[in-house]
N, C-alpha and C. Protein backbone atom coordinates (compact mmCIF):
# COMPACT_ATOMS: atom_id res chain seq x y z
N UNK A 1 -2.79 -9.42 -12.93
CA UNK A 1 -2.12 -8.58 -11.97
C UNK A 1 -0.77 -9.18 -11.62
N UNK A 2 0.23 -8.36 -11.49
CA UNK A 2 1.58 -8.78 -11.16
C UNK A 2 1.67 -9.15 -9.68
N UNK A 3 2.42 -10.17 -9.38
CA UNK A 3 2.61 -10.54 -7.99
C UNK A 3 3.84 -9.82 -7.45
N UNK A 4 3.65 -9.13 -6.36
CA UNK A 4 4.75 -8.36 -5.76
C UNK A 4 5.76 -9.29 -5.11
N UNK A 5 7.01 -8.87 -5.12
CA UNK A 5 8.04 -9.64 -4.44
C UNK A 5 7.94 -9.40 -2.93
N UNK A 6 8.55 -10.29 -2.18
CA UNK A 6 8.57 -10.14 -0.73
C UNK A 6 9.29 -8.86 -0.32
N UNK A 7 10.33 -8.50 -1.07
CA UNK A 7 11.06 -7.27 -0.78
C UNK A 7 10.15 -6.07 -0.94
N UNK A 8 9.41 -6.00 -2.04
CA UNK A 8 8.47 -4.90 -2.27
C UNK A 8 7.44 -4.86 -1.15
N UNK A 9 6.93 -5.99 -0.77
CA UNK A 9 5.92 -6.07 0.29
C UNK A 9 6.51 -5.58 1.62
N UNK A 10 7.71 -6.02 1.95
CA UNK A 10 8.35 -5.59 3.19
C UNK A 10 8.60 -4.08 3.20
N UNK A 11 9.06 -3.55 2.07
CA UNK A 11 9.30 -2.11 1.96
C UNK A 11 7.99 -1.34 2.10
N UNK A 12 6.94 -1.86 1.50
CA UNK A 12 5.63 -1.21 1.58
C UNK A 12 5.12 -1.20 3.02
N UNK A 13 5.30 -2.31 3.73
CA UNK A 13 4.87 -2.37 5.13
C UNK A 13 5.64 -1.35 5.96
N UNK A 14 6.93 -1.18 5.68
CA UNK A 14 7.71 -0.16 6.38
C UNK A 14 7.14 1.24 6.10
N UNK A 15 6.77 1.51 4.85
CA UNK A 15 6.18 2.80 4.50
C UNK A 15 4.84 3.00 5.21
N UNK A 16 4.04 1.95 5.28
CA UNK A 16 2.76 2.03 5.99
C UNK A 16 2.98 2.40 7.45
N UNK A 17 3.97 1.79 8.07
CA UNK A 17 4.25 2.05 9.47
C UNK A 17 4.82 3.45 9.68
N UNK A 18 5.51 3.98 8.68
CA UNK A 18 5.98 5.36 8.75
C UNK A 18 4.81 6.34 8.70
N UNK A 19 3.85 6.05 7.83
CA UNK A 19 2.68 6.91 7.67
C UNK A 19 1.76 6.81 8.88
N UNK A 20 1.62 5.62 9.42
CA UNK A 20 0.69 5.38 10.55
C UNK A 20 1.48 4.75 11.71
N UNK A 21 2.21 5.58 12.48
CA UNK A 21 3.06 5.06 13.55
C UNK A 21 2.32 4.20 14.58
N UNK A 22 1.02 4.38 14.71
CA UNK A 22 0.27 3.59 15.70
C UNK A 22 0.22 2.10 15.36
N UNK A 23 0.58 1.72 14.14
CA UNK A 23 0.59 0.30 13.76
C UNK A 23 2.01 -0.27 13.76
N UNK A 24 2.97 0.50 14.26
CA UNK A 24 4.37 0.09 14.21
C UNK A 24 4.63 -1.25 14.88
N UNK A 25 3.94 -1.54 15.95
CA UNK A 25 4.15 -2.79 16.67
C UNK A 25 3.21 -3.90 16.21
N UNK A 26 2.34 -3.58 15.29
CA UNK A 26 1.34 -4.52 14.79
C UNK A 26 1.93 -5.40 13.69
N UNK A 27 1.47 -6.63 13.60
CA UNK A 27 1.83 -7.50 12.49
C UNK A 27 0.94 -7.13 11.31
N UNK A 28 1.56 -6.74 10.20
CA UNK A 28 0.81 -6.34 9.01
C UNK A 28 0.93 -7.45 7.98
N UNK A 29 -0.21 -7.96 7.57
CA UNK A 29 -0.26 -9.06 6.61
C UNK A 29 -0.74 -8.55 5.25
N UNK A 30 -0.36 -9.23 4.17
CA UNK A 30 -0.78 -8.81 2.83
C UNK A 30 -2.29 -8.70 2.65
N UNK A 31 -3.05 -9.52 3.34
CA UNK A 31 -4.51 -9.51 3.19
C UNK A 31 -5.19 -8.40 3.99
N UNK A 32 -4.46 -7.75 4.87
CA UNK A 32 -5.06 -6.68 5.67
C UNK A 32 -5.52 -5.53 4.77
N UNK A 33 -6.69 -5.00 5.10
CA UNK A 33 -7.17 -3.79 4.44
C UNK A 33 -6.49 -2.60 5.10
N UNK A 34 -5.89 -1.72 4.30
CA UNK A 34 -5.21 -0.57 4.88
C UNK A 34 -6.20 0.39 5.54
N UNK A 35 -7.45 0.34 5.13
CA UNK A 35 -8.47 1.22 5.70
C UNK A 35 -9.17 0.53 6.88
N UNK A 36 -9.74 -0.63 6.63
CA UNK A 36 -10.54 -1.30 7.65
C UNK A 36 -9.71 -1.94 8.76
N UNK A 37 -8.61 -2.58 8.42
CA UNK A 37 -7.81 -3.29 9.42
C UNK A 37 -6.73 -2.41 10.05
N UNK A 38 -6.12 -1.55 9.23
CA UNK A 38 -4.99 -0.75 9.72
C UNK A 38 -5.38 0.69 10.07
N UNK A 39 -6.56 1.13 9.66
CA UNK A 39 -7.07 2.43 10.08
C UNK A 39 -6.54 3.64 9.35
N UNK A 40 -6.02 3.47 8.14
CA UNK A 40 -5.57 4.64 7.40
C UNK A 40 -6.77 5.43 6.89
N UNK A 41 -6.68 6.76 6.99
CA UNK A 41 -7.73 7.60 6.45
C UNK A 41 -7.27 8.19 5.13
N UNK A 42 -8.07 9.06 4.54
CA UNK A 42 -7.75 9.59 3.21
C UNK A 42 -6.44 10.37 3.19
N UNK A 43 -6.16 11.13 4.24
CA UNK A 43 -4.89 11.86 4.30
C UNK A 43 -3.71 10.90 4.40
N UNK A 44 -3.87 9.86 5.22
CA UNK A 44 -2.82 8.83 5.32
C UNK A 44 -2.55 8.19 3.96
N UNK A 45 -3.62 7.90 3.22
CA UNK A 45 -3.47 7.28 1.90
C UNK A 45 -2.74 8.20 0.93
N UNK A 46 -3.03 9.49 0.98
CA UNK A 46 -2.31 10.44 0.13
C UNK A 46 -0.82 10.47 0.49
N UNK A 47 -0.53 10.49 1.78
CA UNK A 47 0.87 10.48 2.22
C UNK A 47 1.55 9.18 1.79
N UNK A 48 0.84 8.08 1.92
CA UNK A 48 1.39 6.80 1.51
C UNK A 48 1.69 6.79 0.01
N UNK A 49 0.77 7.27 -0.79
CA UNK A 49 0.98 7.32 -2.24
C UNK A 49 2.21 8.14 -2.59
N UNK A 50 2.39 9.27 -1.94
CA UNK A 50 3.58 10.10 -2.20
C UNK A 50 4.86 9.38 -1.81
N UNK A 51 4.82 8.72 -0.66
CA UNK A 51 6.02 7.98 -0.22
C UNK A 51 6.33 6.82 -1.17
N UNK A 52 5.30 6.14 -1.64
CA UNK A 52 5.49 5.05 -2.60
C UNK A 52 6.14 5.58 -3.86
N UNK A 53 5.62 6.69 -4.38
CA UNK A 53 6.16 7.27 -5.60
C UNK A 53 7.63 7.64 -5.44
N UNK A 54 7.98 8.23 -4.31
CA UNK A 54 9.38 8.61 -4.07
C UNK A 54 10.27 7.39 -3.85
N UNK A 55 9.80 6.48 -3.03
CA UNK A 55 10.62 5.32 -2.65
C UNK A 55 10.87 4.37 -3.81
N UNK A 56 9.82 4.07 -4.55
CA UNK A 56 9.93 3.08 -5.62
C UNK A 56 10.19 3.70 -6.99
N UNK A 57 10.09 5.02 -7.09
CA UNK A 57 10.31 5.67 -8.38
C UNK A 57 9.26 5.30 -9.41
N UNK A 58 8.05 5.09 -8.95
CA UNK A 58 6.95 4.72 -9.82
C UNK A 58 5.76 5.61 -9.52
N UNK A 59 4.77 5.57 -10.36
CA UNK A 59 3.55 6.37 -10.16
C UNK A 59 2.44 5.47 -9.66
N UNK A 60 2.19 5.51 -8.34
CA UNK A 60 1.08 4.77 -7.76
C UNK A 60 -0.16 5.64 -7.92
N UNK A 61 -1.10 5.19 -8.74
CA UNK A 61 -2.32 5.95 -9.03
C UNK A 61 -3.37 5.63 -7.96
N UNK A 62 -3.44 6.48 -6.95
CA UNK A 62 -4.35 6.26 -5.83
C UNK A 62 -5.80 6.26 -6.29
N UNK A 63 -6.16 7.14 -7.22
CA UNK A 63 -7.55 7.19 -7.71
C UNK A 63 -7.94 5.89 -8.41
N UNK A 64 -7.07 5.38 -9.26
CA UNK A 64 -7.36 4.14 -9.97
C UNK A 64 -7.45 2.97 -8.98
N UNK A 65 -6.55 2.96 -8.01
CA UNK A 65 -6.56 1.91 -6.99
C UNK A 65 -7.86 1.95 -6.20
N UNK A 66 -8.28 3.14 -5.80
CA UNK A 66 -9.54 3.29 -5.06
C UNK A 66 -10.75 2.87 -5.90
N UNK A 67 -10.69 3.12 -7.20
CA UNK A 67 -11.80 2.77 -8.09
C UNK A 67 -12.01 1.25 -8.15
N UNK A 68 -10.95 0.50 -7.88
CA UNK A 68 -11.04 -0.97 -7.93
C UNK A 68 -11.16 -1.58 -6.53
N UNK A 69 -11.52 -0.78 -5.55
CA UNK A 69 -11.55 -1.23 -4.15
C UNK A 69 -12.47 -2.41 -3.91
N UNK A 70 -13.57 -2.49 -4.64
CA UNK A 70 -14.48 -3.62 -4.45
C UNK A 70 -13.81 -4.95 -4.79
N UNK A 71 -12.88 -4.92 -5.72
CA UNK A 71 -12.19 -6.15 -6.14
C UNK A 71 -11.09 -6.55 -5.16
N UNK A 72 -10.35 -5.58 -4.67
CA UNK A 72 -9.19 -5.93 -3.83
C UNK A 72 -9.33 -5.54 -2.36
N UNK A 73 -10.43 -4.91 -2.00
CA UNK A 73 -10.72 -4.56 -0.60
C UNK A 73 -9.64 -3.73 0.06
N UNK A 74 -8.92 -2.96 -0.76
CA UNK A 74 -7.86 -2.07 -0.28
C UNK A 74 -6.80 -2.81 0.55
N UNK A 75 -6.44 -3.97 0.07
CA UNK A 75 -5.46 -4.79 0.79
C UNK A 75 -4.04 -4.28 0.59
N UNK A 76 -3.20 -4.61 1.53
CA UNK A 76 -1.78 -4.29 1.42
C UNK A 76 -1.21 -4.93 0.16
N UNK A 77 -1.60 -6.17 -0.11
CA UNK A 77 -1.11 -6.89 -1.29
C UNK A 77 -1.51 -6.18 -2.58
N UNK A 78 -2.69 -5.58 -2.62
CA UNK A 78 -3.12 -4.90 -3.84
C UNK A 78 -2.25 -3.67 -4.13
N UNK A 79 -1.80 -3.00 -3.07
CA UNK A 79 -0.89 -1.86 -3.27
C UNK A 79 0.46 -2.38 -3.77
N UNK A 80 0.94 -3.44 -3.14
CA UNK A 80 2.24 -4.01 -3.55
C UNK A 80 2.17 -4.48 -5.00
N UNK A 81 1.06 -5.08 -5.40
CA UNK A 81 0.89 -5.52 -6.78
C UNK A 81 0.89 -4.33 -7.74
N UNK A 82 0.22 -3.24 -7.35
CA UNK A 82 0.18 -2.04 -8.20
C UNK A 82 1.57 -1.45 -8.34
N UNK A 83 2.33 -1.45 -7.26
CA UNK A 83 3.71 -0.95 -7.30
C UNK A 83 4.56 -1.83 -8.22
N UNK A 84 4.43 -3.15 -8.08
CA UNK A 84 5.20 -4.08 -8.91
C UNK A 84 4.85 -3.90 -10.38
N UNK A 85 3.57 -3.70 -10.67
CA UNK A 85 3.14 -3.51 -12.06
C UNK A 85 3.71 -2.20 -12.61
N UNK A 86 3.79 -1.18 -11.78
CA UNK A 86 4.33 0.10 -12.21
C UNK A 86 5.83 0.07 -12.44
N UNK A 87 6.49 -0.85 -11.78
CA UNK A 87 7.95 -0.98 -11.93
C UNK A 87 8.34 -1.90 -13.07
N UNK A 88 7.37 -2.66 -13.59
CA UNK A 88 7.66 -3.64 -14.64
C UNK A 88 7.93 -2.98 -15.98
């Protein structure tokens, strides 16, 4: 798996906070689960995937990412890694 840059991670956190304004004042860490720790639901995840695709110009495959959830626990870092891999 590709390691995301800090810039990609920071941009992703900004997108997360846009999708879920209630976490705007919260410290978001790479290990946080976007579902369990940050409270995103399925609609939020769809919105996030669309914003990622537009912002980064890549195809974030939400279904494939969800299929591997047991391995990465839906962490912020796992999304950033998927974005970095899609941009490579």
